[in-house]
Protein backbone atom coordinates (compact mmCIF):
# COMPACT_ATOMS: atom_id res chain seq x y z
CA MET A 1 0.00 0.00 0.00
CA ARG A 2 1.23 3.47 -0.82
CA LEU A 3 0.30 6.16 1.67
CA ARG A 4 2.70 8.74 0.37
CA ASP A 5 1.07 11.39 -1.83
CA LEU A 6 3.62 13.53 -3.57
CA CYS A 7 2.73 16.90 -5.05
CA VAL A 8 1.36 17.21 -8.53
CA VAL A 9 3.85 18.77 -10.95
CA PRO A 10 3.45 22.56 -11.22
CA CYS A 11 5.01 22.57 -14.70
CA LEU A 12 1.76 22.02 -16.58
CA PHE A 13 3.20 23.58 -19.71
CA LEU A 14 5.00 20.29 -20.27
CA THR A 15 1.63 18.57 -20.63
CA SER A 16 -0.35 21.21 -22.50
CA LEU A 17 1.47 20.88 -25.80
CA SER A 18 0.07 22.57 -28.87
CA ILE A 19 -0.03 19.61 -31.22
CA ALA A 20 -1.50 20.23 -34.65
CA GLN A 21 -2.77 16.69 -35.13
CA THR A 22 -6.01 14.77 -34.95
CA VAL A 23 -6.96 11.51 -33.23
CA PRO A 24 -9.04 9.23 -35.47
CA ALA A 25 -12.65 8.82 -34.37
CA SER A 26 -13.33 5.66 -32.40
CA THR A 27 -16.35 4.04 -30.79
CA HIS A 28 -14.22 1.43 -28.98
CA VAL A 29 -11.57 2.65 -26.55
CA TRP A 30 -10.26 0.22 -23.93
CA MET A 31 -7.72 0.47 -21.14
CA ILE A 32 -5.69 -2.02 -19.07
CA THR A 33 -3.97 -0.65 -15.97
CA GLU A 34 -0.85 -2.12 -14.37
CA GLU A 35 0.79 -1.22 -11.07
CA ASN A 36 3.85 0.36 -9.51
CA HIS A 37 6.74 -0.15 -11.93
CA SER A 38 8.92 2.40 -13.68
CA TYR A 39 9.74 2.53 -17.38
CA GLU A 40 13.23 1.09 -16.98
CA GLU A 41 11.90 -1.91 -15.04
CA VAL A 42 9.56 -2.84 -17.88
CA VAL A 43 10.95 -1.80 -21.27
CA GLY A 44 13.60 -4.27 -22.38
CA ASN A 45 13.02 -6.56 -19.39
CA ALA A 46 13.54 -10.19 -20.39
CA GLN A 47 10.82 -11.15 -17.88
CA MET A 48 8.26 -9.32 -20.03
CA PRO A 49 8.77 -10.67 -23.56
CA TYR A 50 5.12 -10.31 -24.54
CA PHE A 51 4.80 -6.68 -23.40
CA ASN A 52 8.02 -5.83 -25.23
CA SER A 53 6.82 -7.59 -28.39
CA LEU A 54 3.78 -5.30 -28.33
CA ILE A 55 6.12 -2.29 -28.32
CA HIS A 56 7.43 -3.36 -31.73
CA GLN A 57 3.93 -3.97 -33.09
CA TYR A 58 2.32 -0.76 -31.84
CA GLY A 59 3.40 2.48 -30.13
CA LEU A 60 5.29 3.31 -26.93
CA ALA A 61 5.36 6.66 -25.11
CA THR A 62 9.02 6.92 -24.08
CA GLN A 63 8.53 10.13 -22.08
CA PHE A 64 5.39 9.28 -20.11
CA TYR A 65 5.20 10.41 -16.47
CA SER A 66 2.65 9.79 -13.73
CA ASP A 67 1.24 12.93 -12.10
CA GLN A 68 1.72 11.64 -8.56
CA HIS A 69 2.20 8.65 -6.32
CA SER A 70 -0.46 6.57 -4.57
CA SER A 71 -2.65 4.20 -6.55
CA LEU A 72 -6.15 5.70 -6.39
CA PRO A 73 -5.28 9.35 -7.06
CA ALA A 74 -2.81 8.35 -9.78
CA LEU A 75 -5.52 6.28 -11.51
CA MET A 76 -8.08 9.07 -11.08
CA TRP A 77 -6.04 11.17 -13.53
CA TYR A 78 -6.87 8.58 -16.23
CA VAL A 79 -10.64 8.89 -15.72
CA ALA A 80 -11.21 12.36 -14.25
CA GLY A 81 -8.14 14.43 -15.11
CA ALA A 82 -7.54 15.14 -11.40
CA PRO A 83 -6.50 13.20 -8.27
CA VAL A 84 -10.08 13.43 -6.86
CA GLU A 85 -9.63 10.97 -3.94
CA LEU A 86 -6.39 10.71 -1.95
CA ASN A 87 -7.56 8.03 0.47
CA ASN A 88 -6.75 4.57 -0.88
CA ASN A 89 -9.01 3.00 1.74
CA THR A 90 -12.21 4.77 0.80
CA VAL A 91 -15.39 2.76 0.23
CA SER A 92 -17.51 5.86 -0.24
CA CYS A 93 -19.24 6.85 -3.44
CA GLU A 94 -19.46 10.60 -3.06
CA HIS A 95 -17.48 12.31 -5.79
CA SER A 96 -19.54 14.53 -8.07
CA GLU A 97 -16.55 15.67 -10.17
CA ASP A 98 -16.81 15.24 -13.92
CA ASN A 99 -15.51 11.89 -15.10
CA VAL A 100 -15.33 9.73 -18.18
CA VAL A 101 -18.48 7.70 -17.32
CA ARG A 102 -20.61 10.85 -17.15
CA GLU A 103 -19.40 11.98 -20.54
CA LEU A 104 -19.80 8.51 -22.06
CA LEU A 105 -23.41 8.29 -20.89
CA ALA A 106 -24.13 11.79 -22.18
CA ARG A 107 -23.04 10.64 -25.64
CA GLY A 108 -24.97 7.37 -25.48
CA TYR A 109 -21.93 5.11 -25.21
CA THR A 110 -21.83 1.82 -23.32
CA TRP A 111 -19.10 1.10 -20.76
CA ARG A 112 -17.87 -1.65 -18.48
CA SER A 113 -15.20 -2.10 -15.83
CA TYR A 114 -13.82 -5.64 -15.94
CA GLN A 115 -12.10 -6.41 -12.62
CA GLU A 116 -10.25 -9.65 -12.02
CA ASN A 117 -11.34 -11.39 -8.80
CA ILE A 118 -14.06 -8.90 -7.88
CA PRO A 119 -16.55 -11.07 -5.96
CA SER A 120 -19.65 -9.97 -7.87
CA SER A 121 -21.08 -7.29 -10.12
CA GLY A 122 -21.49 -3.99 -8.30
CA TYR A 123 -19.37 -5.10 -5.34
CA GLN A 124 -18.54 -2.15 -3.06
CA GLY A 125 -16.02 -3.63 -0.61
CA LEU A 126 -12.44 -2.51 -0.12
CA TYR A 127 -11.00 -5.95 -0.90
CA GLY A 128 -12.47 -9.16 -2.23
CA GLY A 129 -12.12 -12.35 -4.20
CA ALA A 130 -9.66 -15.20 -3.71
CA ASP A 131 -7.10 -14.16 -1.06
CA ASN A 132 -8.47 -10.60 -1.25
CA THR A 133 -6.62 -9.97 -4.51
CA TYR A 134 -9.27 -7.54 -5.78
CA TYR A 135 -8.46 -4.01 -4.60
CA ARG A 136 -11.21 -1.40 -4.84
CA ARG A 137 -8.62 1.38 -5.19
CA HIS A 138 -7.60 -0.08 -8.55
CA ASN A 139 -11.18 0.40 -9.81
CA PRO A 140 -11.55 4.21 -9.69
CA LEU A 141 -14.79 4.55 -11.67
CA ILE A 142 -16.98 3.31 -8.82
CA ASP A 143 -16.13 6.28 -6.57
CA PHE A 144 -18.24 8.74 -8.60
CA THR A 145 -21.88 9.60 -7.98
CA ASP A 146 -22.59 8.61 -11.60
CA VAL A 147 -21.86 4.99 -10.67
CA CYS A 148 -23.17 4.83 -7.08
CA PRO A 149 -25.53 2.06 -5.96
CA GLY A 150 -29.01 2.98 -7.09
CA THR A 151 -27.93 4.47 -10.41
CA TRP A 152 -27.89 0.99 -12.01
CA GLN A 153 -24.48 1.93 -13.41
CA GLU A 154 -22.83 0.08 -10.53
CA TRP A 155 -23.69 -3.18 -12.30
CA ASN A 156 -21.18 -2.24 -15.01
CA SER A 157 -18.40 -3.00 -12.52
CA LEU A 158 -18.05 -6.69 -13.37
CA PRO A 159 -15.87 -9.75 -12.80
CA PHE A 160 -13.20 -10.05 -15.48
CA THR A 161 -14.65 -13.40 -16.56
CA GLN A 162 -17.62 -11.46 -17.95
CA MET A 163 -15.42 -10.16 -20.79
CA ALA A 164 -15.18 -13.61 -22.35
CA ALA A 165 -18.92 -14.09 -21.94
CA ASP A 166 -19.56 -10.73 -23.61
CA PHE A 167 -17.29 -11.65 -26.52
CA ALA A 168 -19.03 -14.99 -26.91
CA ALA A 169 -22.36 -13.17 -27.06
CA GLY A 170 -21.02 -10.76 -29.69
CA TYR A 171 -21.13 -7.80 -27.31
CA MET A 172 -18.35 -5.27 -26.94
CA PRO A 173 -18.83 -2.09 -24.86
CA SER A 174 -17.62 1.19 -26.28
CA TYR A 175 -15.36 1.90 -23.32
CA ALA A 176 -13.80 -0.68 -21.02
CA TYR A 177 -11.54 -0.29 -17.99
CA ILE A 178 -9.68 -3.52 -17.15
CA THR A 179 -7.69 -4.29 -14.01
CA PRO A 180 -5.90 -7.58 -13.35
CA ASP A 181 -5.85 -8.60 -9.70
CA VAL A 182 -2.88 -7.61 -7.52
CA ASN A 183 -1.02 -10.83 -8.32
CA ASP A 184 -1.34 -10.22 -12.05
CA ASP A 185 -0.87 -6.46 -12.40
CA GLY A 186 2.62 -6.21 -10.91
CA HIS A 187 1.44 -4.85 -7.53
CA ASN A 188 2.06 -7.96 -5.41
CA GLY A 189 3.18 -10.42 -8.07
CA THR A 190 6.16 -10.50 -10.40
CA LEU A 191 6.62 -8.74 -13.71
CA ALA A 192 6.86 -12.17 -15.31
CA GLY A 193 3.42 -12.93 -13.89
CA ALA A 194 2.03 -9.64 -15.16
CA ASP A 195 3.42 -10.39 -18.61
CA ALA A 196 1.93 -13.88 -18.59
CA TRP A 197 -1.49 -12.41 -17.75
CA LEU A 198 -1.25 -9.95 -20.63
CA GLN A 199 -0.19 -12.71 -23.02
CA ALA A 200 -3.13 -14.84 -21.91
CA ASN A 201 -5.76 -12.11 -22.25
CA VAL A 202 -4.75 -9.33 -24.66
CA PRO A 203 -4.90 -11.52 -27.81
CA ALA A 204 -8.65 -12.05 -27.31
CA ILE A 205 -9.14 -8.28 -27.35
CA VAL A 206 -7.00 -7.47 -30.38
CA ALA A 207 -8.55 -10.40 -32.28
CA ARG A 208 -11.93 -8.67 -32.15
CA PRO A 209 -13.10 -7.00 -35.39
CA GLU A 210 -12.91 -3.62 -33.67
CA PHE A 211 -9.16 -4.08 -33.17
CA SER A 212 -8.46 -5.87 -36.45
CA PRO A 213 -7.40 -4.10 -39.68
CA GLY A 214 -10.19 -1.76 -40.71
CA GLY A 215 -11.50 -1.49 -37.15
CA ASP A 216 -11.56 1.66 -35.02
CA GLY A 217 -10.39 0.20 -31.68
CA ILE A 218 -7.82 1.86 -29.42
CA LEU A 219 -6.29 -0.03 -26.49
CA PHE A 220 -4.07 1.52 -23.82
CA ILE A 221 -1.86 -0.53 -21.51
CA VAL A 222 -0.71 1.89 -18.81
CA TRP A 223 0.82 1.93 -15.32
CA ASP A 224 -0.56 3.96 -12.44
CA GLU A 225 2.86 5.18 -11.24
CA GLY A 226 6.54 4.35 -11.07
CA ASN A 227 8.15 2.61 -8.14
CA ASP A 228 8.46 4.17 -4.67
CA LEU A 229 11.83 5.78 -5.38
CA ASP A 230 10.89 7.21 -8.77
CA ASN A 231 9.61 10.79 -8.46
CA ARG A 232 10.39 12.12 -11.93
CA CYS A 233 8.03 14.61 -13.60
CA SER A 234 9.69 14.69 -17.02
CA ALA A 235 13.05 14.32 -18.70
CA LEU A 236 13.89 17.82 -17.47
CA VAL A 237 12.15 17.84 -14.05
CA PRO A 238 13.78 15.16 -11.86
CA LEU A 239 11.62 15.33 -8.72
CA GLY A 240 8.09 15.93 -7.46
CA CYS A 241 5.78 13.53 -9.31
CA GLY A 242 4.90 9.89 -9.80
CA GLY A 243 7.74 8.69 -11.97
CA ARG A 244 8.34 7.60 -15.56
CA THR A 245 6.13 4.76 -16.77
CA ALA A 246 5.72 2.71 -19.94
CA ALA A 247 2.48 3.59 -21.76
CA LEU A 248 1.48 1.47 -24.77
CA VAL A 249 -1.00 2.60 -27.43
CA MET A 250 -2.45 -0.19 -29.54
CA GLY A 251 -4.90 -0.51 -32.39
CA PRO A 252 -5.17 -0.96 -36.15
CA ARG A 253 -4.50 2.74 -36.79
CA VAL A 254 -1.50 3.07 -34.48
CA ARG A 255 1.91 3.57 -36.11
CA VAL A 256 3.88 0.32 -36.13
CA ASN A 257 6.97 0.25 -33.88
CA TYR A 258 6.45 3.94 -33.10
CA GLN A 259 8.24 5.48 -30.12
CA SER A 260 6.92 8.89 -29.17
CA THR A 261 9.26 11.33 -27.49
CA TYR A 262 6.61 13.90 -26.54
CA THR A 263 6.16 14.45 -22.81
CA TYR A 264 2.83 12.90 -21.80
CA ARG A 265 1.05 12.20 -18.51
CA ASN A 266 -1.99 10.30 -17.31
CA GLU A 267 -4.41 13.07 -18.31
CA ASN A 268 -3.11 12.92 -21.90
CA VAL A 269 -4.58 9.41 -22.12
CA LEU A 270 -7.96 10.79 -21.05
CA ALA A 271 -7.60 13.64 -23.55
CA THR A 272 -7.04 11.02 -26.25
CA VAL A 273 -10.16 9.13 -25.17
CA CYS A 274 -12.19 12.33 -25.37
CA ALA A 275 -10.78 13.26 -28.79
CA ALA A 276 -11.43 9.80 -30.22
CA MET A 277 -14.96 9.43 -28.82
CA GLY A 278 -16.06 13.06 -29.17
CA LEU A 279 -16.54 13.59 -25.42
CA SER A 280 -17.07 17.21 -24.45
CA PRO A 281 -16.29 18.62 -22.02
CA CYS A 282 -13.28 16.46 -21.30
CA PRO A 283 -12.95 16.07 -17.51
CA GLY A 284 -10.44 17.99 -15.41
CA ALA A 285 -6.96 18.78 -16.71
CA ALA A 286 -7.61 16.60 -19.75
CA ALA A 287 -9.64 19.48 -21.18
CA SER A 288 -6.41 21.40 -21.84
CA ALA A 289 -4.04 18.44 -22.25
CA ALA A 290 -2.84 17.38 -25.69
CA PRO A 291 -4.26 14.18 -27.17
CA MET A 292 -1.60 11.61 -28.05
CA ALA A 293 -2.30 12.11 -31.73
CA ASP A 294 1.23 11.45 -32.96
CA PHE A 295 0.64 7.71 -32.39
CA PHE A 296 -1.87 7.41 -35.21
CA THR A 297 -1.32 6.92 -38.92
CA GLY A 298 -2.44 9.71 -41.19
CA SER A 299 -1.56 12.55 -38.80
CA ALA A 300 1.35 14.89 -39.51
CA LEU A 301 3.93 14.96 -36.76
CA ALA A 302 3.88 18.26 -34.95
CA SER A 303 6.79 20.69 -34.69
CA VAL A 304 7.20 20.80 -30.94
CA PRO A 305 10.15 19.88 -28.74
CA GLN A 306 10.49 16.14 -28.37
CA ASN A 307 13.57 16.24 -26.16
CA ILE A 308 16.36 13.68 -26.36
CA VAL A 309 15.73 9.95 -26.17
CA ILE A 310 18.54 7.63 -25.05
CA SER A 311 17.42 4.18 -26.15
CA ASN A 312 20.57 2.40 -24.94
CA PRO A 313 21.93 1.87 -22.29
CA ALA A 314 18.87 1.87 -20.04
CA ASN A 315 18.86 3.71 -16.74
CA GLY A 316 19.90 1.38 -13.93
CA SER A 317 21.31 -1.27 -16.26
CA THR A 318 24.63 -3.09 -16.02
CA VAL A 319 26.85 -3.17 -19.10
CA ALA A 320 29.65 -5.73 -19.42
CA GLY A 321 32.49 -4.48 -21.58
CA ALA A 322 32.04 -1.73 -24.15
CA VAL A 323 29.08 0.64 -23.90
CA HIS A 324 26.85 1.00 -26.96
CA LEU A 325 25.19 4.42 -26.81
CA MET A 326 22.16 5.04 -29.01
CA ALA A 327 20.24 8.30 -28.87
CA ASN A 328 18.02 10.44 -31.08
CA VAL A 329 17.20 14.14 -31.00
CA SER A 330 14.21 15.97 -32.46
CA GLU A 331 13.69 19.70 -32.05
CA PRO A 332 11.54 22.34 -33.82
CA GLN A 333 14.67 24.42 -34.37
CA ARG A 334 17.94 23.68 -36.11
CA VAL A 335 20.29 21.48 -34.10
CA SER A 336 23.91 22.35 -34.87
CA GLN A 337 25.36 19.36 -33.04
CA THR A 338 24.90 16.89 -30.22
CA GLN A 339 27.49 16.17 -27.57
CA VAL A 340 28.07 13.16 -25.33
CA TRP A 341 29.57 13.66 -21.88
CA ASP A 342 30.37 10.96 -19.34
CA ASN A 343 31.24 11.62 -15.70
CA GLY A 344 32.29 15.15 -16.66
CA LEU A 345 34.36 14.22 -19.74
CA LYS A 346 33.31 14.95 -23.33
CA LEU A 347 33.23 11.72 -25.37
CA GLY A 348 32.30 13.11 -28.76
CA VAL A 349 30.33 15.42 -31.05
CA TYR A 350 27.63 14.07 -33.38
CA GLY A 351 24.57 14.87 -35.46
CA GLU A 352 20.93 14.33 -34.46
CA SER A 353 21.33 10.55 -34.32
CA ILE A 354 24.02 8.95 -32.15
CA ASP A 355 25.22 5.36 -32.51
CA ALA A 356 28.60 5.11 -30.81
CA VAL A 357 30.66 2.60 -28.84
CA TYR A 358 32.85 3.58 -25.89
CA ASN A 359 35.28 1.63 -23.73
CA LEU A 360 34.65 3.04 -20.27
CA ALA A 361 36.27 2.18 -16.96
CA PRO A 362 34.39 -0.23 -14.69
CA GLY A 363 32.11 1.51 -12.21
CA LEU A 364 29.08 3.81 -12.07
CA HIS A 365 28.60 6.14 -15.03
CA THR A 366 26.22 8.96 -15.85
CA THR A 367 26.29 9.73 -19.56
CA TRP A 368 24.64 12.95 -20.77
CA VAL A 369 23.45 13.73 -24.28
CA LEU A 370 23.08 17.43 -25.10
CA ASP A 371 21.76 19.11 -28.24
CA LEU A 372 22.85 22.62 -29.21
CA ASP A 373 21.19 25.30 -31.35
CA SER A 374 22.79 27.32 -34.15
CA SER A 375 24.39 29.61 -31.54
CA TYR A 376 25.80 26.52 -29.76
CA ARG A 377 23.59 26.99 -26.72
CA VAL A 378 22.22 23.89 -25.03
CA ILE A 379 18.56 23.20 -25.92
CA HIS A 380 18.02 20.00 -23.92
CA GLU A 381 20.13 17.52 -22.00
CA THR A 382 19.21 13.98 -20.94
CA PRO A 383 21.17 11.56 -18.70
CA ALA A 384 21.43 7.79 -18.41
CA THR A 385 22.98 6.26 -15.29
CA TYR A 386 24.29 2.69 -15.42
CA ASN A 387 27.05 0.42 -14.13
CA VAL A 388 29.97 -0.82 -16.24
CA THR A 389 31.69 -4.12 -15.45
CA GLN A 390 34.81 -5.55 -17.07
CA LEU A 391 34.42 -8.17 -19.78
CA LEU A 392 36.41 -11.21 -18.66
CA ASN A 393 37.14 -14.23 -20.82
CA GLY A 394 34.30 -13.62 -23.19
CA LEU A 395 33.01 -12.21 -26.43
CA GLN A 396 30.59 -9.29 -26.62
CA VAL A 397 28.44 -8.41 -29.64
CA ILE A 398 27.70 -4.73 -29.17
CA THR A 399 25.64 -4.16 -32.30
CA PRO A 400 23.22 -5.18 -33.66
CA THR A 401 21.32 -5.35 -30.41
CA PRO A 402 18.91 -8.27 -29.78
CA ASN A 403 15.64 -7.91 -31.75
CA ALA A 404 16.87 -4.72 -33.45
CA VAL A 405 15.43 -3.58 -36.78
CA VAL A 406 18.22 -2.38 -39.09
CA PRO A 407 18.33 -1.17 -42.72
CA ALA A 408 19.48 -3.70 -45.30
CA THR A 409 22.20 -1.41 -46.65
CA ALA A 410 23.85 -0.76 -43.29
CA VAL A 411 24.06 -3.75 -40.98
CA HIS A 412 26.70 -2.62 -38.52
CA VAL A 413 28.42 -5.42 -36.63
CA VAL A 414 30.56 -4.31 -33.70
CA ALA A 415 32.08 -6.86 -31.33
CA GLN A 416 35.03 -7.21 -29.01
CA ALA A 417 36.72 -10.09 -27.20
CA ASP A 418 38.74 -10.32 -24.01
CA GLU A 419 40.44 -13.65 -23.43
CA SER A 420 43.14 -15.06 -21.16
CA VAL A 421 45.03 -16.34 -24.24
CA PRO A 422 46.11 -14.47 -27.40
CA ILE A 423 43.35 -14.06 -30.02
CA GLY A 424 44.39 -15.13 -33.51
CA GLN A 425 41.33 -13.87 -35.42
CA MET A 426 37.67 -13.02 -35.20
CA GLN A 427 35.00 -14.21 -37.61
CA VAL A 428 31.55 -12.88 -38.47
CA TRP A 429 28.83 -15.27 -39.65
CA ASP A 430 25.23 -14.47 -40.59
CA ASN A 431 22.53 -17.11 -41.06
CA GLY A 432 25.27 -19.71 -41.44
CA VAL A 433 27.31 -17.77 -44.04
CA LYS A 434 30.76 -16.42 -43.20
CA LEU A 435 30.91 -12.68 -43.89
CA GLY A 436 34.60 -12.24 -43.08
CA TRP A 437 37.50 -12.78 -40.71
CA TYR A 438 39.57 -10.09 -39.03
CA SER A 439 42.76 -9.84 -37.01
CA GLY A 440 42.79 -8.46 -33.50
CA ARG A 441 40.12 -8.55 -30.84
CA VAL A 442 37.69 -5.99 -32.27
CA VAL A 443 35.21 -6.20 -35.19
CA ASP A 444 33.72 -3.01 -36.64
CA GLN A 445 32.22 -3.74 -40.06
CA TYR A 446 29.23 -2.84 -42.25
CA TYR A 447 27.39 -5.37 -44.43
CA THR A 448 24.55 -5.29 -46.95
CA LEU A 449 22.14 -8.15 -46.27
CA ALA A 450 18.77 -9.41 -47.51
CA MET A 451 15.54 -8.43 -45.78
CA GLY A 452 14.15 -10.75 -43.12
CA PHE A 453 15.18 -12.37 -39.84
CA HIS A 454 18.90 -12.84 -39.25
CA MET A 455 21.21 -14.40 -36.70
CA ALA A 456 24.62 -12.79 -36.49
CA THR A 457 27.33 -14.92 -34.87
CA VAL A 458 30.76 -13.63 -33.93
CA LEU A 459 33.57 -16.04 -32.99
CA ASP A 460 37.01 -15.45 -31.56
CA LEU A 461 39.74 -18.01 -32.25
CA ASP A 462 43.12 -18.67 -30.67
CA GLY A 463 46.42 -19.01 -32.52
CA ASN A 464 45.59 -22.61 -33.45
CA ASN A 465 42.25 -21.52 -34.98
CA SER A 466 40.28 -23.16 -32.18
CA VAL A 467 37.09 -21.32 -31.25
CA LEU A 468 37.25 -19.73 -27.83
CA HIS A 469 33.78 -18.20 -27.71
CA ALA A 470 30.81 -17.69 -30.05
CA THR A 471 28.07 -15.14 -29.42
CA SER A 472 24.86 -14.81 -31.47
CA VAL A 473 22.25 -12.08 -31.81
CA PHE A 474 18.88 -12.30 -33.53
CA TYR A 475 17.70 -9.19 -35.42
CA PHE A 476 15.56 -8.12 -38.38
CA VAL A 477 16.70 -6.50 -41.61
CA LEU A 478 14.21 -4.13 -43.21
């Protein structure tokens, strides 16, 4: 349970972006909420292969930040554009603030809240189900007067098993709010368990006609807040909010493998719901928040600051051997150059895309990427903090990274070896074909390869041409 309520970020200008885009109209917008994990704990985590596969199929908000800590108020931002109720232990139904259910009903839409392990439809208790794994505070819609007992709307708060029954009957509500129980949403259980739940249940949703090609469905998979120690408000505001989280946007009209670098928060999801479904007014701060329109095909990308995105290495990660830094910059003004600094030392000067390899001393590192305008003044700067360990008796393939998508004309293979015996040569193989052999302990080569799935294998050999180590990486050539 989280009793700590941190302040809501005062820098609302970071949320109220002027984005000249449109969200496609939709009559089917669904949401799945997960619990209490920061972006870096989820994105790229080998315990969440299904969630990370969805990133490549749909869209990921890489600069998404929760407004505040504590489950119920953080979730309230998704449905009311305000924290509304700070007490996680409330069982009252007294809030008359505007909320998404009120606006849905005003427009004649249907809605349902599918809650795993809720004991029964309309249940009002604080906990319930097997081992009390249903938490009322993870079901924020039932705290509003629009859904109180006696309105008949309370019966739309249903056991999760009802979703399968609805699908079997050919029924799909316009708006659905889905919460796994606390063992399956990452709150009490593991991230591997949360991923398994998503893999077991999301396919049934996206297989529906509404989420198939030609459909109008939009599905969000979002987290209420980051972990207890994560108080970030944005890439530029390090403290005071609910942390950086991993927000997925899914649907047949979402850009494939799109990674947005706009700064978004929980109320931007609600603003997107309102824009898609034509809800007006949009509740709370969502009325002035920007919809997440850049995720959708057919909309021109807006000319607003997108900051700097460091895609590798991840914050908090451990890197063995050489460090492969990948970063991209997008600004509305001309960027004269980017610079990379590490622990106070400049490592290099680049253009708007950085793909560089550094041999750094073992220990803790904070690497900063800065972009500069035409007058060589810093526009933005973004850090990544990680730990470097020495590569001992092994072979490291630095690029391509696992599951990377690379252009056919520029497959860049970088690898290095560190062995206790002299290295006679290194070889590069791809899909069983030798691409070349090289002297020394470092490979840095470009190849042109056919489109499709590939497995790159790098070997290091001793002076007798016996293989010491072989390391393989799977990737995709486009």
